């Protein structure tokens, strides 16, 4: 279906709202990705409910604000909140995020726990890795469009650290498969780490994140960083479980 443009203040975001039912599932994509990144997962869902996919400012068909200053993941989470208000989709939401989009979802959950029915983080970025490499990256581009926005890594790292706390709703942390970093073609951006060190760090990062949130920890069976494309069933099953849990809580009231 064609995207609809929703006014989020001084600019508009492209989003697709489909299906019916509660809780609504909201997808937050990784760097430069719009809603199509979740097509395989959506096809694998057994639940029927309201689905929301969108593109952040400066991605796909979405406009961008006049201010191009690098922003934090918390500011991107606030943008998502304004979008959900504009769509008039009612919460609480099952929020699903991938990569940098998972950090947006995480900070959204910390900022607005009252709007949350569940959280699924899919191969969430280890934001501190960007600061621990030989040539630290303090700014991370959000896509490759000529007028793309960027993330302030230092500010985002602080927000992520504050957001890593137990949630009052079911949550799932999914890591990409063990040893996927061993397939790395270009090691230069990640020096001084070896592929084996990166792989161990990545798995430890997701294990610790799950422990911080009190979340279920899962590991993809195959594929790479794009778990939602390479192993969509593991993501769809996690979402379905959280939908069932949310509906069970509502029925028990």
C-alpha atoms as a PDB file:
ATOM      1  CA  UNK A   1       0.000   0.000   0.000  1.00  0.00           C
ATOM      2  CA  UNK A   2       1.114   3.568  -0.621  1.00  0.00           C
ATOM      3  CA  UNK A   3       2.564   5.553   2.250  1.00  0.00           C
ATOM      4  CA  UNK A   4       0.610   8.422   3.790  1.00  0.00           C
ATOM      5  CA  UNK A   5       2.321  11.656   4.804  1.00  0.00           C
ATOM      6  CA  UNK A   6       1.741  12.634   8.430  1.00  0.00           C
ATOM      7  CA  UNK A   7       2.534  16.066   9.859  1.00  0.00           C
ATOM      8  CA  UNK A   8       4.852  15.780  12.881  1.00  0.00           C
ATOM      9  CA  UNK A   9       5.449  19.494  13.374  1.00  0.00           C
ATOM     10  CA  UNK A  10       7.494  21.405  10.811  1.00  0.00           C
ATOM     11  CA  UNK A  11       7.830  18.446   8.436  1.00  0.00           C
ATOM     12  CA  UNK A  12       6.022  15.266   7.383  1.00  0.00           C
ATOM     13  CA  UNK A  13       6.880  11.584   7.696  1.00  0.00           C
ATOM     14  CA  UNK A  14       5.839   8.793   5.361  1.00  0.00           C
ATOM     15  CA  UNK A  15       4.074   5.949   7.175  1.00  0.00           C
ATOM     16  CA  UNK A  16       1.840   2.996   6.383  1.00  0.00           C
ATOM     17  CA  UNK A  17      -0.958   1.924   8.721  1.00  0.00           C
ATOM     18  CA  UNK A  18      -2.622  -1.378   7.888  1.00  0.00           C
ATOM     19  CA  UNK A  19      -4.783  -4.026   9.508  1.00  0.00           C
ATOM     20  CA  UNK A  20      -7.069  -3.795  12.502  1.00  0.00           C
ATOM     21  CA  UNK A  21      -6.832  -4.834  16.099  1.00  0.00           C
ATOM     22  CA  UNK A  22      -4.981  -4.246  19.350  1.00  0.00           C
ATOM     23  CA  UNK A  23      -2.256  -4.022  20.410  1.00  0.00           C
ATOM     24  CA  UNK A  24      -0.855  -2.178  17.419  1.00  0.00           C
ATOM     25  CA  UNK A  25       2.637  -3.219  16.338  1.00  0.00           C
ATOM     26  CA  UNK A  26       4.993  -0.346  15.484  1.00  0.00           C
ATOM     27  CA  UNK A  27       8.211  -1.029  13.572  1.00  0.00           C
ATOM     28  CA  UNK A  28      11.342   1.132  13.930  1.00  0.00           C
ATOM     29  CA  UNK A  29      13.854   0.445  11.150  1.00  0.00           C
ATOM     30  CA  UNK A  30      17.644   0.610  11.087  1.00  0.00           C
ATOM     31  CA  UNK A  31      19.825   3.293   9.526  1.00  0.00           C
ATOM     32  CA  UNK A  32      18.459   4.509   6.207  1.00  0.00           C
ATOM     33  CA  UNK A  33      15.658   1.922   6.111  1.00  0.00           C
ATOM     34  CA  UNK A  34      11.939   2.515   5.689  1.00  0.00           C
ATOM     35  CA  UNK A  35       9.061   0.119   6.310  1.00  0.00           C
ATOM     36  CA  UNK A  36       9.881  -2.409   3.600  1.00  0.00           C
ATOM     37  CA  UNK A  37      12.658  -3.796   5.802  1.00  0.00           C
ATOM     38  CA  UNK A  38       9.928  -5.599   7.751  1.00  0.00           C
ATOM     39  CA  UNK A  39       8.044  -7.191   4.843  1.00  0.00           C
ATOM     40  CA  UNK A  40       9.237 -10.745   5.550  1.00  0.00           C
ATOM     41  CA  UNK A  41       8.362 -10.490   9.250  1.00  0.00           C
ATOM     42  CA  UNK A  42       4.907  -9.078   8.535  1.00  0.00           C
ATOM     43  CA  UNK A  43       4.259 -11.926   6.084  1.00  0.00           C
ATOM     44  CA  UNK A  44       5.287 -14.449   8.778  1.00  0.00           C
ATOM     45  CA  UNK A  45       2.998 -13.076  11.510  1.00  0.00           C
ATOM     46  CA  UNK A  46       0.118 -15.334  12.499  1.00  0.00           C
ATOM     47  CA  UNK A  47      -1.614 -12.548  14.434  1.00  0.00           C
ATOM     48  CA  UNK A  48      -3.984 -10.081  12.811  1.00  0.00           C
ATOM     49  CA  UNK A  49      -3.670  -6.596  14.256  1.00  0.00           C
ATOM     50  CA  UNK A  50      -2.879  -2.971  13.405  1.00  0.00           C
ATOM     51  CA  UNK A  51       0.598  -2.522  11.890  1.00  0.00           C
ATOM     52  CA  UNK A  52       2.551   0.728  11.585  1.00  0.00           C
ATOM     53  CA  UNK A  53       5.718   1.112   9.513  1.00  0.00           C
ATOM     54  CA  UNK A  54       7.415   4.414   8.747  1.00  0.00           C
ATOM     55  CA  UNK A  55      10.550   6.200   7.593  1.00  0.00           C
ATOM     56  CA  UNK A  56      12.364   8.590   9.891  1.00  0.00           C
ATOM     57  CA  UNK A  57      13.075  12.138   8.730  1.00  0.00           C
ATOM     58  CA  UNK A  58      15.393  12.204   5.719  1.00  0.00           C
ATOM     59  CA  UNK A  59      14.689   8.585   4.754  1.00  0.00           C
ATOM     60  CA  UNK A  60      12.598   7.353   1.817  1.00  0.00           C
ATOM     61  CA  UNK A  61       9.704   9.698   1.138  1.00  0.00           C
ATOM     62  CA  UNK A  62       9.879  11.393   4.540  1.00  0.00           C
ATOM     63  CA  UNK A  63      10.749  15.057   4.717  1.00  0.00           C
ATOM     64  CA  UNK A  64      13.407  16.393   7.041  1.00  0.00           C
ATOM     65  CA  UNK A  65      13.409  19.334   9.432  1.00  0.00           C
ATOM     66  CA  UNK A  66      15.267  22.511   8.573  1.00  0.00           C
ATOM     67  CA  UNK A  67      17.698  21.855  11.431  1.00  0.00           C
ATOM     68  CA  UNK A  68      20.269  19.324  10.224  1.00  0.00           C
ATOM     69  CA  UNK A  69      22.191  19.156  13.512  1.00  0.00           C
ATOM     70  CA  UNK A  70      22.935  15.540  14.496  1.00  0.00           C
ATOM     71  CA  UNK A  71      20.229  14.362  16.847  1.00  0.00           C
ATOM     72  CA  UNK A  72      20.034  11.742  19.560  1.00  0.00           C
ATOM     73  CA  UNK A  73      18.054   8.519  19.478  1.00  0.00           C
ATOM     74  CA  UNK A  74      15.846  10.096  22.145  1.00  0.00           C
ATOM     75  CA  UNK A  75      14.929  12.896  19.763  1.00  0.00           C
ATOM     76  CA  UNK A  76      14.103  10.284  17.119  1.00  0.00           C
ATOM     77  CA  UNK A  77      11.917   8.544  19.717  1.00  0.00           C
ATOM     78  CA  UNK A  78      10.099  11.822  20.330  1.00  0.00           C
ATOM     79  CA  UNK A  79       9.584  12.095  16.559  1.00  0.00           C
ATOM     80  CA  UNK A  80       8.029   8.609  16.582  1.00  0.00           C
ATOM     81  CA  UNK A  81       5.701   9.666  19.394  1.00  0.00           C
ATOM     82  CA  UNK A  82       4.522  12.670  17.374  1.00  0.00           C
ATOM     83  CA  UNK A  83       3.941  10.394  14.392  1.00  0.00           C
ATOM     84  CA  UNK A  84       1.802   7.980  16.420  1.00  0.00           C
ATOM     85  CA  UNK A  85      -0.262  10.889  17.708  1.00  0.00           C
ATOM     86  CA  UNK A  86      -0.738  12.074  14.120  1.00  0.00           C
ATOM     87  CA  UNK A  87      -1.821   8.603  12.911  1.00  0.00           C
ATOM     88  CA  UNK A  88      -4.380   8.393  15.747  1.00  0.00           C
ATOM     89  CA  UNK A  89      -3.423   4.744  16.253  1.00  0.00           C
ATOM     90  CA  UNK A  90      -4.254   3.916  19.863  1.00  0.00           C
ATOM     91  CA  UNK A  91      -1.731   2.394  22.262  1.00  0.00           C
ATOM     92  CA  UNK A  92      -0.351   0.645  24.112  1.00  0.00           C
ATOM     93  CA  UNK A  93       2.000  -0.597  21.402  1.00  0.00           C
ATOM     94  CA  UNK A  94       4.197  -3.582  20.755  1.00  0.00           C
ATOM     95  CA  UNK A  95       7.321  -1.753  19.607  1.00  0.00           C
ATOM     96  CA  UNK A  96       9.785  -3.565  17.337  1.00  0.00           C
ATOM     97  CA  UNK A  97      13.157  -2.065  16.415  1.00  0.00           C
ATOM     98  CA  UNK A  98      16.210  -3.117  14.397  1.00  0.00           C
ATOM     99  CA  UNK A  99      19.807  -1.912  14.695  1.00  0.00           C
ATOM    100  CA  UNK A 100      19.838   1.865  15.330  1.00  0.00           C
ATOM    101  CA  UNK A 101      16.042   1.712  15.160  1.00  0.00           C
ATOM    102  CA  UNK A 102      16.163  -0.660  18.124  1.00  0.00           C
ATOM    103  CA  UNK A 103      17.866   2.078  20.142  1.00  0.00           C
ATOM    104  CA  UNK A 104      15.079   4.462  19.132  1.00  0.00           C
ATOM    105  CA  UNK A 105      12.568   1.852  20.326  1.00  0.00           C
ATOM    106  CA  UNK A 106      14.488   1.321  23.569  1.00  0.00           C
ATOM    107  CA  UNK A 107      14.539   5.019  24.435  1.00  0.00           C
ATOM    108  CA  UNK A 108      10.859   5.342  23.461  1.00  0.00           C
ATOM    109  CA  UNK A 109      10.088   2.525  25.915  1.00  0.00           C
ATOM    110  CA  UNK A 110      12.020   4.281  28.677  1.00  0.00           C
ATOM    111  CA  UNK A 111      10.448   7.665  27.950  1.00  0.00           C
ATOM    112  CA  UNK A 112       6.867   6.425  27.659  1.00  0.00           C
ATOM    113  CA  UNK A 113       6.409   3.070  29.415  1.00  0.00           C
ATOM    114  CA  UNK A 114       2.700   3.787  29.753  1.00  0.00           C
ATOM    115  CA  UNK A 115       2.386   3.469  25.961  1.00  0.00           C
ATOM    116  CA  UNK A 116       4.091   0.084  25.823  1.00  0.00           C
ATOM    117  CA  UNK A 117       2.535  -3.388  25.570  1.00  0.00           C
ATOM    118  CA  UNK A 118       5.771  -5.131  24.604  1.00  0.00           C
ATOM    119  CA  UNK A 119       9.221  -4.556  23.137  1.00  0.00           C
ATOM    120  CA  UNK A 120      11.252  -6.556  20.593  1.00  0.00           C
ATOM    121  CA  UNK A 121      14.829  -5.454  19.893  1.00  0.00           C
ATOM    122  CA  UNK A 122      16.385  -7.033  16.793  1.00  0.00           C
ATOM    123  CA  UNK A 123      20.206  -6.998  16.676  1.00  0.00           C
ATOM    124  CA  UNK A 124      20.306  -3.675  18.489  1.00  0.00           C
ATOM    125  CA  UNK A 125      23.358  -1.530  17.771  1.00  0.00           C
ATOM    126  CA  UNK A 126      26.137  -1.558  20.364  1.00  0.00           C
ATOM    127  CA  UNK A 127      26.395   2.222  20.381  1.00  0.00           C
ATOM    128  CA  UNK A 128      29.502   2.202  22.576  1.00  0.00           C
ATOM    129  CA  UNK A 129      31.368   0.143  19.970  1.00  0.00           C
ATOM    130  CA  UNK A 130      31.422   3.259  17.791  1.00  0.00           C
ATOM    131  CA  UNK A 131      33.362   5.015  20.559  1.00  0.00           C
ATOM    132  CA  UNK A 132      35.742   2.167  21.427  1.00  0.00           C
ATOM    133  CA  UNK A 133      37.224   1.641  17.961  1.00  0.00           C
ATOM    134  CA  UNK A 134      40.583   3.043  16.850  1.00  0.00           C
ATOM    135  CA  UNK A 135      38.941   5.948  15.022  1.00  0.00           C
ATOM    136  CA  UNK A 136      35.837   6.719  17.116  1.00  0.00           C
ATOM    137  CA  UNK A 137      32.652   7.646  15.253  1.00  0.00           C
ATOM    138  CA  UNK A 138      30.854  10.383  17.159  1.00  0.00           C
ATOM    139  CA  UNK A 139      28.354  10.950  14.342  1.00  0.00           C
ATOM    140  CA  UNK A 140      26.461   8.158  12.576  1.00  0.00           C
ATOM    141  CA  UNK A 141      24.665   8.836   9.302  1.00  0.00           C
ATOM    142  CA  UNK A 142      20.998   7.813   9.181  1.00  0.00           C
ATOM    143  CA  UNK A 143      20.973   6.630   5.581  1.00  0.00           C
ATOM    144  CA  UNK A 144      22.630   7.782   2.367  1.00  0.00           C
ATOM    145  CA  UNK A 145      20.102  10.246   0.960  1.00  0.00           C
ATOM    146  CA  UNK A 146      21.775  13.530   0.032  1.00  0.00           C
ATOM    147  CA  UNK A 147      19.845  15.350   2.773  1.00  0.00           C
ATOM    148  CA  UNK A 148      19.999  12.582   5.372  1.00  0.00           C
ATOM    149  CA  UNK A 149      20.087  13.308   9.078  1.00  0.00           C
ATOM    150  CA  UNK A 150      22.685  11.881  11.470  1.00  0.00           C
ATOM    151  CA  UNK A 151      22.813  10.616  15.029  1.00  0.00           C
ATOM    152  CA  UNK A 152      24.898  12.194  17.762  1.00  0.00           C
ATOM    153  CA  UNK A 153      26.611   9.051  19.083  1.00  0.00           C
ATOM    154  CA  UNK A 154      27.787  10.534  22.399  1.00  0.00           C
ATOM    155  CA  UNK A 155      24.361  11.910  23.321  1.00  0.00           C
ATOM    156  CA  UNK A 156      22.704   8.706  22.147  1.00  0.00           C
ATOM    157  CA  UNK A 157      25.077   6.549  24.207  1.00  0.00           C
ATOM    158  CA  UNK A 158      24.079   8.434  27.350  1.00  0.00           C
ATOM    159  CA  UNK A 159      20.374   8.017  26.588  1.00  0.00           C
ATOM    160  CA  UNK A 160      20.765   4.319  25.855  1.00  0.00           C
ATOM    161  CA  UNK A 161      22.635   3.796  29.143  1.00  0.00           C
ATOM    162  CA  UNK A 162      19.770   5.465  31.061  1.00  0.00           C
ATOM    163  CA  UNK A 163      17.191   3.409  29.167  1.00  0.00           C
ATOM    164  CA  UNK A 164      18.690   0.025  30.035  1.00  0.00           C
ATOM    165  CA  UNK A 165      16.451  -0.779  32.995  1.00  0.00           C
ATOM    166  CA  UNK A 166      13.769  -3.375  33.783  1.00  0.00           C
ATOM    167  CA  UNK A 167      10.476  -3.012  31.937  1.00  0.00           C
ATOM    168  CA  UNK A 168       7.012  -3.738  33.297  1.00  0.00           C
ATOM    169  CA  UNK A 169       5.979  -5.431  30.041  1.00  0.00           C
ATOM    170  CA  UNK A 170       7.222  -8.553  28.232  1.00  0.00           C
ATOM    171  CA  UNK A 171      10.255  -7.915  26.056  1.00  0.00           C
ATOM    172  CA  UNK A 172      12.545  -9.893  23.770  1.00  0.00           C
ATOM    173  CA  UNK A 173      16.143  -9.212  22.717  1.00  0.00           C
ATOM    174  CA  UNK A 174      17.197 -11.021  19.521  1.00  0.00           C
ATOM    175  CA  UNK A 175      20.856 -11.159  18.505  1.00  0.00           C
ATOM    176  CA  UNK A 176      22.209 -12.115  15.095  1.00  0.00           C
ATOM    177  CA  UNK A 177      23.737 -15.581  14.864  1.00  0.00           C
ATOM    178  CA  UNK A 178      26.917 -16.524  16.665  1.00  0.00           C
ATOM    179  CA  UNK A 179      30.037 -16.129  14.459  1.00  0.00           C
ATOM    180  CA  UNK A 180      28.378 -13.851  11.919  1.00  0.00           C
ATOM    181  CA  UNK A 181      31.142 -11.282  12.546  1.00  0.00           C
ATOM    182  CA  UNK A 182      33.668 -13.855  11.333  1.00  0.00           C
ATOM    183  CA  UNK A 183      32.309 -13.244   7.817  1.00  0.00           C
ATOM    184  CA  UNK A 184      33.378  -9.582   7.966  1.00  0.00           C
ATOM    185  CA  UNK A 185      34.960  -8.502   4.671  1.00  0.00           C
ATOM    186  CA  UNK A 186      36.382  -5.138   5.730  1.00  0.00           C
ATOM    187  CA  UNK A 187      37.969  -5.034   9.163  1.00  0.00           C
ATOM    188  CA  UNK A 188      39.454  -1.548   8.794  1.00  0.00           C
ATOM    189  CA  UNK A 189      36.514   0.402  10.311  1.00  0.00           C
ATOM    190  CA  UNK A 190      36.519  -1.855  13.391  1.00  0.00           C
ATOM    191  CA  UNK A 191      40.196  -1.834  14.367  1.00  0.00           C
ATOM    192  CA  UNK A 192      41.727  -2.677  16.797  1.00  0.00           C
ATOM    193  CA  UNK A 193      39.173  -5.471  17.255  1.00  0.00           C
ATOM    194  CA  UNK A 194      39.514  -8.820  15.531  1.00  0.00           C
ATOM    195  CA  UNK A 195      36.422 -10.512  14.039  1.00  0.00           C
ATOM    196  CA  UNK A 196      36.438 -13.002  16.908  1.00  0.00           C
ATOM    197  CA  UNK A 197      36.579 -10.183  19.468  1.00  0.00           C
ATOM    198  CA  UNK A 198      33.757  -8.337  17.714  1.00  0.00           C
ATOM    199  CA  UNK A 199      31.627 -11.475  17.650  1.00  0.00           C
ATOM    200  CA  UNK A 200      32.154 -12.145  21.357  1.00  0.00           C
ATOM    201  CA  UNK A 201      31.446  -8.514  22.225  1.00  0.00           C
ATOM    202  CA  UNK A 202      28.269  -8.480  20.111  1.00  0.00           C
ATOM    203  CA  UNK A 203      26.832 -11.559  21.799  1.00  0.00           C
ATOM    204  CA  UNK A 204      27.788 -10.273  25.256  1.00  0.00           C
ATOM    205  CA  UNK A 205      26.153  -6.927  24.435  1.00  0.00           C
ATOM    206  CA  UNK A 206      22.821  -8.577  23.667  1.00  0.00           C
ATOM    207  CA  UNK A 207      23.031 -10.927  26.624  1.00  0.00           C
ATOM    208  CA  UNK A 208      23.632  -7.977  28.964  1.00  0.00           C
ATOM    209  CA  UNK A 209      20.907  -5.893  27.322  1.00  0.00           C
ATOM    210  CA  UNK A 210      18.385  -8.691  27.871  1.00  0.00           C
ATOM    211  CA  UNK A 211      19.462  -8.971  31.509  1.00  0.00           C
ATOM    212  CA  UNK A 212      19.144  -5.196  32.002  1.00  0.00           C
ATOM    213  CA  UNK A 213      15.589  -5.190  30.644  1.00  0.00           C
ATOM    214  CA  UNK A 214      14.494  -8.473  32.181  1.00  0.00           C
ATOM    215  CA  UNK A 215      13.883  -9.649  28.619  1.00  0.00           C
ATOM    216  CA  UNK A 216      13.870 -13.024  26.917  1.00  0.00           C
ATOM    217  CA  UNK A 217      17.152 -13.495  25.057  1.00  0.00           C
ATOM    218  CA  UNK A 218      17.162 -15.209  21.653  1.00  0.00           C
ATOM    219  CA  UNK A 219      19.805 -15.776  18.991  1.00  0.00           C
ATOM    220  CA  UNK A 220      19.064 -16.000  15.269  1.00  0.00           C
ATOM    221  CA  UNK A 221      19.794 -19.317  13.623  1.00  0.00           C
ATOM    222  CA  UNK A 222      21.283 -18.046  10.381  1.00  0.00           C
ATOM    223  CA  UNK A 223      21.939 -14.938   8.290  1.00  0.00           C
ATOM    224  CA  UNK A 224      23.580 -11.666   9.247  1.00  0.00           C
ATOM    225  CA  UNK A 225      22.698  -8.335  10.820  1.00  0.00           C
ATOM    226  CA  UNK A 226      19.336  -8.152   9.024  1.00  0.00           C
ATOM    227  CA  UNK A 227      17.730 -10.849  11.162  1.00  0.00           C
ATOM    228  CA  UNK A 228      14.251  -9.714  10.111  1.00  0.00           C
ATOM    229  CA  UNK A 229      15.100 -10.586   6.495  1.00  0.00           C
ATOM    230  CA  UNK A 230      17.365 -13.608   7.003  1.00  0.00           C
ATOM    231  CA  UNK A 231      15.463 -15.315   9.842  1.00  0.00           C
ATOM    232  CA  UNK A 232      12.048 -13.588   9.881  1.00  0.00           C
ATOM    233  CA  UNK A 233      10.285 -16.394  11.733  1.00  0.00           C
ATOM    234  CA  UNK A 234      12.209 -15.823  14.976  1.00  0.00           C
ATOM    235  CA  UNK A 235      11.154 -12.170  14.942  1.00  0.00           C
ATOM    236  CA  UNK A 236       7.538 -12.909  13.966  1.00  0.00           C
ATOM    237  CA  UNK A 237       7.226 -15.519  16.713  1.00  0.00           C
ATOM    238  CA  UNK A 238       8.480 -13.027  19.305  1.00  0.00           C
ATOM    239  CA  UNK A 239       5.946 -10.430  18.142  1.00  0.00           C
ATOM    240  CA  UNK A 240       3.102 -12.958  18.118  1.00  0.00           C
ATOM    241  CA  UNK A 241       3.972 -14.032  21.662  1.00  0.00           C
ATOM    242  CA  UNK A 242       3.864 -10.425  22.896  1.00  0.00           C
ATOM    243  CA  UNK A 243       0.547  -9.800  21.135  1.00  0.00           C
ATOM    244  CA  UNK A 244      -0.894 -12.900  22.822  1.00  0.00           C
ATOM    245  CA  UNK A 245       0.475 -11.766  26.178  1.00  0.00           C
ATOM    246  CA  UNK A 246      -0.981  -8.264  25.822  1.00  0.00           C
ATOM    247  CA  UNK A 247      -4.380  -9.627  24.829  1.00  0.00           C
ATOM    248  CA  UNK A 248      -4.290 -12.045  27.731  1.00  0.00           C
ATOM    249  CA  UNK A 249      -3.616  -9.212  30.184  1.00  0.00           C
ATOM    250  CA  UNK A 250      -6.491  -7.180  28.750  1.00  0.00           C
ATOM    251  CA  UNK A 251      -8.856 -10.153  28.928  1.00  0.00           C
ATOM    252  CA  UNK A 252      -7.902 -10.776  32.554  1.00  0.00           C
ATOM    253  CA  UNK A 253      -8.840  -7.309  33.726  1.00  0.00           C
END
